[in-house]
Amino acid sequence: MSDFNDFSSASVSEKAEASELQRMIAVEQQKAQFQAQVHNFTDVCWEKCVDKPSSKLDSRTEGCLVSCVERFIDTTLTITNRFTQMVQKGAH
């Protein structure tokens, strides 16, 4: 009988490890998505706002970059909130 108990506890332990591994993978995927978004709006805002690179940003370029990033963040939050609402409505 003790062999059966050892197998059951090992199975529970393996399930816990698999669950933790899945959680860690999900966290890493979220980090990768975030980094991809940062890279995307960096490219978009750079192309839109920076005429010629220099050692310092002038106030117009800095303001343009700030506005561009803020618009990107606002849009992303709006889409995320809308998606969350749709999922919640679908779950009920």
PDB file of N, CA and C in Angstrom:
ATOM      1  N   MET A   1       0.814  -1.203   0.000  1.00  0.00           N
ATOM      2  CA  MET A   1       0.000   0.000   0.000  1.00  0.00           C
ATOM      3  C   MET A   1       0.857   1.267   0.000  1.00  0.00           C
ATOM      4  N   SER A   2       2.000   1.219   0.629  1.00  0.00           N
ATOM      5  CA  SER A   2       2.796   2.441   0.689  1.00  0.00           C
ATOM      6  C   SER A   2       3.266   2.859  -0.712  1.00  0.00           C
ATOM      7  N   ASP A   3       3.498   1.892  -1.605  1.00  0.00           N
ATOM      8  CA  ASP A   3       3.890   2.239  -2.969  1.00  0.00           C
ATOM      9  C   ASP A   3       2.802   3.053  -3.666  1.00  0.00           C
ATOM     10  N   PHE A   4       1.549   2.699  -3.444  1.00  0.00           N
ATOM     11  CA  PHE A   4       0.434   3.434  -4.054  1.00  0.00           C
ATOM     12  C   PHE A   4       0.379   4.861  -3.519  1.00  0.00           C
ATOM     13  N   ASN A   5       0.560   5.022  -2.203  1.00  0.00           N
ATOM     14  CA  ASN A   5       0.551   6.365  -1.616  1.00  0.00           C
ATOM     15  C   ASN A   5       1.695   7.214  -2.162  1.00  0.00           C
ATOM     16  N   ASP A   6       2.862   6.613  -2.340  1.00  0.00           N
ATOM     17  CA  ASP A   6       3.991   7.346  -2.901  1.00  0.00           C
ATOM     18  C   ASP A   6       3.682   7.815  -4.318  1.00  0.00           C
ATOM     19  N   PHE A   7       3.030   6.942  -5.112  1.00  0.00           N
ATOM     20  CA  PHE A   7       2.674   7.302  -6.479  1.00  0.00           C
ATOM     21  C   PHE A   7       1.675   8.452  -6.501  1.00  0.00           C
ATOM     22  N   SER A   8       0.670   8.394  -5.602  1.00  0.00           N
ATOM     23  CA  SER A   8      -0.342   9.456  -5.559  1.00  0.00           C
ATOM     24  C   SER A   8       0.275  10.790  -5.189  1.00  0.00           C
ATOM     25  N   SER A   9       1.137  10.812  -4.199  1.00  0.00           N
ATOM     26  CA  SER A   9       1.739  12.077  -3.792  1.00  0.00           C
ATOM     27  C   SER A   9       2.693  12.599  -4.863  1.00  0.00           C
ATOM     28  N   ALA A  10       3.370  11.706  -5.556  1.00  0.00           N
ATOM     29  CA  ALA A  10       4.243  12.142  -6.646  1.00  0.00           C
ATOM     30  C   ALA A  10       3.405  12.753  -7.759  1.00  0.00           C
ATOM     31  N   SER A  11       2.262  12.173  -8.029  1.00  0.00           N
ATOM     32  CA  SER A  11       1.394  12.684  -9.073  1.00  0.00           C
ATOM     33  C   SER A  11       0.900  14.084  -8.717  1.00  0.00           C
ATOM     34  N   VAL A  12       0.530  14.292  -7.469  1.00  0.00           N
ATOM     35  CA  VAL A  12       0.082  15.614  -7.021  1.00  0.00           C
ATOM     36  C   VAL A  12       1.234  16.608  -7.133  1.00  0.00           C
ATOM     37  N   SER A  13       2.420  16.189  -6.743  1.00  0.00           N
ATOM     38  CA  SER A  13       3.593  17.046  -6.827  1.00  0.00           C
ATOM     39  C   SER A  13       3.894  17.405  -8.287  1.00  0.00           C
ATOM     40  N   GLU A  14       3.809  16.422  -9.168  1.00  0.00           N
ATOM     41  CA  GLU A  14       4.058  16.670 -10.588  1.00  0.00           C
ATOM     42  C   GLU A  14       3.027  17.632 -11.164  1.00  0.00           C
ATOM     43  N   LYS A  15       1.768  17.487 -10.748  1.00  0.00           N
ATOM     44  CA  LYS A  15       0.712  18.387 -11.223  1.00  0.00           C
ATOM     45  C   LYS A  15       0.978  19.812 -10.740  1.00  0.00           C
ATOM     46  N   ALA A  16       1.425  19.956  -9.507  1.00  0.00           N
ATOM     47  CA  ALA A  16       1.733  21.278  -8.965  1.00  0.00           C
ATOM     48  C   ALA A  16       2.903  21.902  -9.733  1.00  0.00           C
ATOM     49  N   GLU A  17       3.911  21.082 -10.040  1.00  0.00           N
ATOM     50  CA  GLU A  17       5.057  21.588 -10.796  1.00  0.00           C
ATOM     51  C   GLU A  17       4.638  22.001 -12.212  1.00  0.00           C
ATOM     52  N   ALA A  18       3.783  21.196 -12.834  1.00  0.00           N
ATOM     53  CA  ALA A  18       3.309  21.519 -14.184  1.00  0.00           C
ATOM     54  C   ALA A  18       2.489  22.807 -14.170  1.00  0.00           C
ATOM     55  N   SER A  19       1.671  22.964 -13.143  1.00  0.00           N
ATOM     56  CA  SER A  19       0.860  24.173 -13.017  1.00  0.00           C
ATOM     57  C   SER A  19       1.756  25.399 -12.823  1.00  0.00           C
ATOM     58  N   GLU A  20       2.764  25.283 -12.012  1.00  0.00           N
ATOM     59  CA  GLU A  20       3.706  26.388 -11.781  1.00  0.00           C
ATOM     60  C   GLU A  20       4.471  26.706 -13.059  1.00  0.00           C
ATOM     61  N   LEU A  21       4.858  25.682 -13.799  1.00  0.00           N
ATOM     62  CA  LEU A  21       5.563  25.889 -15.054  1.00  0.00           C
ATOM     63  C   LEU A  21       4.665  26.629 -16.053  1.00  0.00           C
ATOM     64  N   GLN A  22       3.401  26.256 -16.133  1.00  0.00           N
ATOM     65  CA  GLN A  22       2.460  26.944 -17.017  1.00  0.00           C
ATOM     66  C   GLN A  22       2.311  28.408 -16.618  1.00  0.00           C
ATOM     67  N   ARG A  23       2.254  28.679 -15.321  1.00  0.00           N
ATOM     68  CA  ARG A  23       2.139  30.055 -14.840  1.00  0.00           C
ATOM     69  C   ARG A  23       3.382  30.853 -15.226  1.00  0.00           C
ATOM     70  N   MET A  24       4.552  30.249 -15.062  1.00  0.00           N
ATOM     71  CA  MET A  24       5.800  30.936 -15.402  1.00  0.00           C
ATOM     72  C   MET A  24       5.880  31.214 -16.904  1.00  0.00           C
ATOM     73  N   ILE A  25       5.422  30.266 -17.715  1.00  0.00           N
ATOM     74  CA  ILE A  25       5.411  30.470 -19.166  1.00  0.00           C
ATOM     75  C   ILE A  25       4.474  31.615 -19.525  1.00  0.00           C
ATOM     76  N   ALA A  26       3.302  31.669 -18.897  1.00  0.00           N
ATOM     77  CA  ALA A  26       2.344  32.746 -19.159  1.00  0.00           C
ATOM     78  C   ALA A  26       2.947  34.098 -18.797  1.00  0.00           C
ATOM     79  N   VAL A  27       3.650  34.174 -17.678  1.00  0.00           N
ATOM     80  CA  VAL A  27       4.301  35.427 -17.265  1.00  0.00           C
ATOM     81  C   VAL A  27       5.353  35.841 -18.291  1.00  0.00           C
ATOM     82  N   GLU A  28       6.147  34.890 -18.755  1.00  0.00           N
ATOM     83  CA  GLU A  28       7.179  35.207 -19.749  1.00  0.00           C
ATOM     84  C   GLU A  28       6.548  35.643 -21.076  1.00  0.00           C
ATOM     85  N   GLN A  29       5.421  35.033 -21.440  1.00  0.00           N
ATOM     86  CA  GLN A  29       4.726  35.449 -22.666  1.00  0.00           C
ATOM     87  C   GLN A  29       4.201  36.876 -22.525  1.00  0.00           C
ATOM     88  N   GLN A  30       3.689  37.208 -21.349  1.00  0.00           N
ATOM     89  CA  GLN A  30       3.214  38.577 -21.111  1.00  0.00           C
ATOM     90  C   GLN A  30       4.364  39.570 -21.201  1.00  0.00           C
ATOM     91  N   LYS A  31       5.511  39.206 -20.641  1.00  0.00           N
ATOM     92  CA  LYS A  31       6.686  40.086 -20.730  1.00  0.00           C
ATOM     93  C   LYS A  31       7.085  40.294 -22.192  1.00  0.00           C
ATOM     94  N   ALA A  32       7.082  39.215 -22.962  1.00  0.00           N
ATOM     95  CA  ALA A  32       7.462  39.311 -24.379  1.00  0.00           C
ATOM     96  C   ALA A  32       6.470  40.188 -25.140  1.00  0.00           C
ATOM     97  N   GLN A  33       5.175  40.049 -24.842  1.00  0.00           N
ATOM     98  CA  GLN A  33       4.170  40.888 -25.498  1.00  0.00           C
ATOM     99  C   GLN A  33       4.379  42.356 -25.136  1.00  0.00           C
ATOM    100  N   PHE A  34       4.658  42.624 -23.876  1.00  0.00           N
ATOM    101  CA  PHE A  34       4.898  43.994 -23.442  1.00  0.00           C
ATOM    102  C   PHE A  34       6.112  44.576 -24.165  1.00  0.00           C
ATOM    103  N   GLN A  35       7.194  43.800 -24.228  1.00  0.00           N
ATOM    104  CA  GLN A  35       8.400  44.275 -24.896  1.00  0.00           C
ATOM    105  C   GLN A  35       8.138  44.531 -26.385  1.00  0.00           C
ATOM    106  N   ALA A  36       7.330  43.678 -27.008  1.00  0.00           N
ATOM    107  CA  ALA A  36       6.988  43.872 -28.420  1.00  0.00           C
ATOM    108  C   ALA A  36       6.187  45.157 -28.600  1.00  0.00           C
ATOM    109  N   GLN A  37       5.262  45.433 -27.675  1.00  0.00           N
ATOM    110  CA  GLN A  37       4.487  46.673 -27.750  1.00  0.00           C
ATOM    111  C   GLN A  37       5.393  47.894 -27.587  1.00  0.00           C
ATOM    112  N   VAL A  38       6.292  47.847 -26.636  1.00  0.00           N
ATOM    113  CA  VAL A  38       7.225  48.962 -26.425  1.00  0.00           C
ATOM    114  C   VAL A  38       8.059  49.178 -27.687  1.00  0.00           C
ATOM    115  N   HIS A  39       8.537  48.092 -28.267  1.00  0.00           N
ATOM    116  CA  HIS A  39       9.330  48.196 -29.494  1.00  0.00           C
ATOM    117  C   HIS A  39       8.483  48.809 -30.614  1.00  0.00           C
ATOM    118  N   ASN A  40       7.234  48.381 -30.713  1.00  0.00           N
ATOM    119  CA  ASN A  40       6.346  48.887 -31.760  1.00  0.00           C
ATOM    120  C   ASN A  40       6.108  50.388 -31.613  1.00  0.00           C
ATOM    121  N   PHE A  41       5.705  50.835 -30.408  1.00  0.00           N
ATOM    122  CA  PHE A  41       5.438  52.273 -30.312  1.00  0.00           C
ATOM    123  C   PHE A  41       6.705  53.102 -30.330  1.00  0.00           C
ATOM    124  N   THR A  42       7.826  52.519 -29.968  1.00  0.00           N
ATOM    125  CA  THR A  42       9.099  53.230 -30.123  1.00  0.00           C
ATOM    126  C   THR A  42       9.357  53.496 -31.602  1.00  0.00           C
ATOM    127  N   ASP A  43       9.176  52.464 -32.424  1.00  0.00           N
ATOM    128  CA  ASP A  43       9.372  52.627 -33.868  1.00  0.00           C
ATOM    129  C   ASP A  43       8.401  53.649 -34.447  1.00  0.00           C
ATOM    130  N   VAL A  44       7.122  53.499 -34.127  1.00  0.00           N
ATOM    131  CA  VAL A  44       6.098  54.382 -34.684  1.00  0.00           C
ATOM    132  C   VAL A  44       6.345  55.829 -34.262  1.00  0.00           C
ATOM    133  N   CYS A  45       6.547  56.031 -32.969  1.00  0.00           N
ATOM    134  CA  CYS A  45       6.721  57.398 -32.466  1.00  0.00           C
ATOM    135  C   CYS A  45       8.034  58.011 -32.939  1.00  0.00           C
ATOM    136  N   TRP A  46       9.080  57.218 -33.050  1.00  0.00           N
ATOM    137  CA  TRP A  46      10.354  57.732 -33.550  1.00  0.00           C
ATOM    138  C   TRP A  46      10.190  58.233 -34.974  1.00  0.00           C
ATOM    139  N   GLU A  47       9.569  57.407 -35.819  1.00  0.00           N
ATOM    140  CA  GLU A  47       9.365  57.791 -37.225  1.00  0.00           C
ATOM    141  C   GLU A  47       8.495  59.041 -37.326  1.00  0.00           C
ATOM    142  N   LYS A  48       7.507  59.156 -36.465  1.00  0.00           N
ATOM    143  CA  LYS A  48       6.576  60.280 -36.512  1.00  0.00           C
ATOM    144  C   LYS A  48       7.212  61.568 -35.989  1.00  0.00           C
ATOM    145  N   CYS A  49       8.019  61.482 -34.962  1.00  0.00           N
ATOM    146  CA  CYS A  49       8.438  62.672 -34.221  1.00  0.00           C
ATOM    147  C   CYS A  49       9.874  63.135 -34.446  1.00  0.00           C
ATOM    148  N   VAL A  50      10.777  62.240 -34.759  1.00  0.00           N
ATOM    149  CA  VAL A  50      12.193  62.604 -34.813  1.00  0.00           C
ATOM    150  C   VAL A  50      12.611  62.862 -36.257  1.00  0.00           C
ATOM    151  N   ASP A  51      12.884  64.128 -36.550  1.00  0.00           N
ATOM    152  CA  ASP A  51      13.309  64.501 -37.900  1.00  0.00           C
ATOM    153  C   ASP A  51      14.770  64.119 -38.131  1.00  0.00           C
ATOM    154  N   LYS A  52      15.622  64.556 -37.208  1.00  0.00           N
ATOM    155  CA  LYS A  52      17.043  64.249 -37.316  1.00  0.00           C
ATOM    156  C   LYS A  52      17.583  63.999 -35.912  1.00  0.00           C
ATOM    157  N   PRO A  53      18.156  62.835 -35.705  1.00  0.00           N
ATOM    158  CA  PRO A  53      18.715  62.521 -34.379  1.00  0.00           C
ATOM    159  C   PRO A  53      19.830  63.481 -34.004  1.00  0.00           C
ATOM    160  N   SER A  54      19.863  63.835 -32.728  1.00  0.00           N
ATOM    161  CA  SER A  54      20.956  64.664 -32.212  1.00  0.00           C
ATOM    162  C   SER A  54      21.219  64.239 -30.774  1.00  0.00           C
ATOM    163  N   SER A  55      22.150  64.931 -30.131  1.00  0.00           N
ATOM    164  CA  SER A  55      22.520  64.535 -28.764  1.00  0.00           C
ATOM    165  C   SER A  55      21.452  64.939 -27.742  1.00  0.00           C
ATOM    166  N   LYS A  56      20.565  65.883 -28.109  1.00  0.00           N
ATOM    167  CA  LYS A  56      19.498  66.312 -27.196  1.00  0.00           C
ATOM    168  C   LYS A  56      18.195  66.414 -27.978  1.00  0.00           C
ATOM    169  N   LEU A  57      17.078  66.197 -27.269  1.00  0.00           N
ATOM    170  CA  LEU A  57      15.768  66.374 -27.884  1.00  0.00           C
ATOM    171  C   LEU A  57      15.318  67.816 -27.709  1.00  0.00           C
ATOM    172  N   ASP A  58      14.836  68.423 -28.780  1.00  0.00           N
ATOM    173  CA  ASP A  58      14.267  69.751 -28.606  1.00  0.00           C
ATOM    174  C   ASP A  58      12.858  69.591 -28.011  1.00  0.00           C
ATOM    175  N   SER A  59      12.297  70.691 -27.549  1.00  0.00           N
ATOM    176  CA  SER A  59      11.018  70.614 -26.836  1.00  0.00           C
ATOM    177  C   SER A  59       9.888  70.120 -27.742  1.00  0.00           C
ATOM    178  N   ARG A  60       9.931  70.476 -29.022  1.00  0.00           N
ATOM    179  CA  ARG A  60       8.889  70.020 -29.938  1.00  0.00           C
ATOM    180  C   ARG A  60       8.946  68.497 -30.106  1.00  0.00           C
ATOM    181  N   THR A  61      10.139  67.963 -30.305  1.00  0.00           N
ATOM    182  CA  THR A  61      10.308  66.523 -30.474  1.00  0.00           C
ATOM    183  C   THR A  61       9.917  65.784 -29.210  1.00  0.00           C
ATOM    184  N   GLU A  62      10.342  66.297 -28.069  1.00  0.00           N
ATOM    185  CA  GLU A  62      10.000  65.659 -26.795  1.00  0.00           C
ATOM    186  C   GLU A  62       8.490  65.647 -26.585  1.00  0.00           C
ATOM    187  N   GLY A  63       7.841  66.781 -26.852  1.00  0.00           N
ATOM    188  CA  GLY A  63       6.383  66.858 -26.713  1.00  0.00           C
ATOM    189  C   GLY A  63       5.678  65.895 -27.644  1.00  0.00           C
ATOM    190  N   CYS A  64       6.165  65.789 -28.865  1.00  0.00           N
ATOM    191  CA  CYS A  64       5.586  64.867 -29.836  1.00  0.00           C
ATOM    192  C   CYS A  64       5.724  63.424 -29.355  1.00  0.00           C
ATOM    193  N   LEU A  65       6.905  63.057 -28.866  1.00  0.00           N
ATOM    194  CA  LEU A  65       7.123  61.695 -28.367  1.00  0.00           C
ATOM    195  C   LEU A  65       6.212  61.378 -27.187  1.00  0.00           C
ATOM    196  N   VAL A  66       6.096  62.324 -26.261  1.00  0.00           N
ATOM    197  CA  VAL A  66       5.237  62.119 -25.086  1.00  0.00           C
ATOM    198  C   VAL A  66       3.783  61.920 -25.526  1.00  0.00           C
ATOM    199  N   SER A  67       3.301  62.792 -26.416  1.00  0.00           N
ATOM    200  CA  SER A  67       1.918  62.685 -26.894  1.00  0.00           C
ATOM    201  C   SER A  67       1.684  61.372 -27.631  1.00  0.00           C
ATOM    202  N   CYS A  68       2.632  60.986 -28.462  1.00  0.00           N
ATOM    203  CA  CYS A  68       2.509  59.748 -29.230  1.00  0.00           C
ATOM    204  C   CYS A  68       2.409  58.538 -28.298  1.00  0.00           C
ATOM    205  N   VAL A  69       3.299  58.464 -27.335  1.00  0.00           N
ATOM    206  CA  VAL A  69       3.286  57.335 -26.396  1.00  0.00           C
ATOM    207  C   VAL A  69       2.003  57.344 -25.568  1.00  0.00           C
ATOM    208  N   GLU A  70       1.575  58.512 -25.104  1.00  0.00           N
ATOM    209  CA  GLU A  70       0.334  58.595 -24.320  1.00  0.00           C
ATOM    210  C   GLU A  70      -0.869  58.132 -25.140  1.00  0.00           C
ATOM    211  N   ARG A  71      -0.932  58.531 -26.409  1.00  0.00           N
ATOM    212  CA  ARG A  71      -2.028  58.081 -27.279  1.00  0.00           C
ATOM    213  C   ARG A  71      -1.988  56.572 -27.447  1.00  0.00           C
ATOM    214  N   PHE A  72      -0.796  56.033 -27.628  1.00  0.00           N
ATOM    215  CA  PHE A  72      -0.640  54.590 -27.781  1.00  0.00           C
ATOM    216  C   PHE A  72      -1.120  53.863 -26.529  1.00  0.00           C
ATOM    217  N   ILE A  73      -0.724  54.350 -25.364  1.00  0.00           N
ATOM    218  CA  ILE A  73      -1.135  53.727 -24.102  1.00  0.00           C
ATOM    219  C   ILE A  73      -2.648  53.841 -23.919  1.00  0.00           C
ATOM    220  N   ASP A  74      -3.200  55.031 -24.169  1.00  0.00           N
ATOM    221  CA  ASP A  74      -4.656  55.214 -24.049  1.00  0.00           C
ATOM    222  C   ASP A  74      -5.415  54.267 -24.971  1.00  0.00           C
ATOM    223  N   THR A  75      -4.944  54.145 -26.195  1.00  0.00           N
ATOM    224  CA  THR A  75      -5.602  53.258 -27.158  1.00  0.00           C
ATOM    225  C   THR A  75      -5.513  51.808 -26.703  1.00  0.00           C
ATOM    226  N   THR A  76      -4.351  51.397 -26.249  1.00  0.00           N
ATOM    227  CA  THR A  76      -4.168  50.029 -25.774  1.00  0.00           C
ATOM    228  C   THR A  76      -5.086  49.744 -24.588  1.00  0.00           C
ATOM    229  N   LEU A  77      -5.176  50.679 -23.638  1.00  0.00           N
ATOM    230  CA  LEU A  77      -6.059  50.490 -22.484  1.00  0.00           C
ATOM    231  C   LEU A  77      -7.521  50.419 -22.900  1.00  0.00           C
ATOM    232  N   THR A  78      -7.937  51.262 -23.840  1.00  0.00           N
ATOM    233  CA  THR A  78      -9.309  51.253 -24.314  1.00  0.00           C
ATOM    234  C   THR A  78      -9.641  49.908 -24.959  1.00  0.00           C
ATOM    235  N   ILE A  79      -8.761  49.431 -25.811  1.00  0.00           N
ATOM    236  CA  ILE A  79      -8.986  48.137 -26.466  1.00  0.00           C
ATOM    237  C   ILE A  79      -9.013  47.012 -25.440  1.00  0.00           C
ATOM    238  N   THR A  80      -8.088  47.042 -24.485  1.00  0.00           N
ATOM    239  CA  THR A  80      -8.045  46.011 -23.449  1.00  0.00           C
ATOM    240  C   THR A  80      -9.318  46.015 -22.615  1.00  0.00           C
ATOM    241  N   ASN A  81      -9.771  47.202 -22.209  1.00  0.00           N
ATOM    242  CA  ASN A  81     -10.999  47.294 -21.408  1.00  0.00           C
ATOM    243  C   ASN A  81     -12.204  46.801 -22.203  1.00  0.00           C
ATOM    244  N   ARG A  82     -12.268  47.163 -23.475  1.00  0.00           N
ATOM    245  CA  ARG A  82     -13.381  46.718 -24.327  1.00  0.00           C
ATOM    246  C   ARG A  82     -13.369  45.208 -24.469  1.00  0.00           C
ATOM    247  N   PHE A  83     -12.207  44.639 -24.679  1.00  0.00           N
ATOM    248  CA  PHE A  83     -12.078  43.193 -24.793  1.00  0.00           C
ATOM    249  C   PHE A  83     -12.514  42.505 -23.495  1.00  0.00           C
ATOM    250  N   THR A  84     -12.102  43.060 -22.357  1.00  0.00           N
ATOM    251  CA  THR A  84     -12.491  42.509 -21.060  1.00  0.00           C
ATOM    252  C   THR A  84     -14.009  42.534 -20.896  1.00  0.00           C
ATOM    253  N   GLN A  85     -14.643  43.638 -21.285  1.00  0.00           N
ATOM    254  CA  GLN A  85     -16.102  43.736 -21.208  1.00  0.00           C
ATOM    255  C   GLN A  85     -16.760  42.675 -22.086  1.00  0.00           C
ATOM    256  N   MET A  86     -16.236  42.477 -23.277  1.00  0.00           N
ATOM    257  CA  MET A  86     -16.810  41.476 -24.183  1.00  0.00           C
ATOM    258  C   MET A  86     -16.686  40.071 -23.604  1.00  0.00           C
ATOM    259  N   VAL A  87     -15.531  39.779 -23.009  1.00  0.00           N
ATOM    260  CA  VAL A  87     -15.309  38.456 -22.403  1.00  0.00           C
ATOM    261  C   VAL A  87     -16.261  38.253 -21.225  1.00  0.00           C
ATOM    262  N   GLN A  88     -16.407  39.303 -20.390  1.00  0.00           N
ATOM    263  CA  GLN A  88     -17.301  39.195 -19.234  1.00  0.00           C
ATOM    264  C   GLN A  88     -18.751  39.002 -19.666  1.00  0.00           C
ATOM    265  N   LYS A  89     -19.186  39.694 -20.708  1.00  0.00           N
ATOM    266  CA  LYS A  89     -20.547  39.528 -21.202  1.00  0.00           C
ATOM    267  C   LYS A  89     -20.755  38.121 -21.755  1.00  0.00           C
ATOM    268  N   GLY A  90     -19.726  37.603 -22.409  1.00  0.00           N
ATOM    269  CA  GLY A  90     -19.800  36.250 -22.962  1.00  0.00           C
ATOM    270  C   GLY A  90     -19.810  35.173 -21.901  1.00  0.00           C
ATOM    271  N   ALA A  91     -19.206  35.467 -20.753  1.00  0.00           N
ATOM    272  CA  ALA A  91     -19.133  34.487 -19.660  1.00  0.00           C
ATOM    273  C   ALA A  91     -20.434  34.400 -18.885  1.00  0.00           C
ATOM    274  N   HIS A  92     -21.262  35.422 -18.987  1.00  0.00           N
ATOM    275  CA  HIS A  92     -22.512  35.417 -18.214  1.00  0.00           C
ATOM    276  C   HIS A  92     -23.650  34.855 -18.968  1.00  0.00           C
TER     277      HIS A  92
END
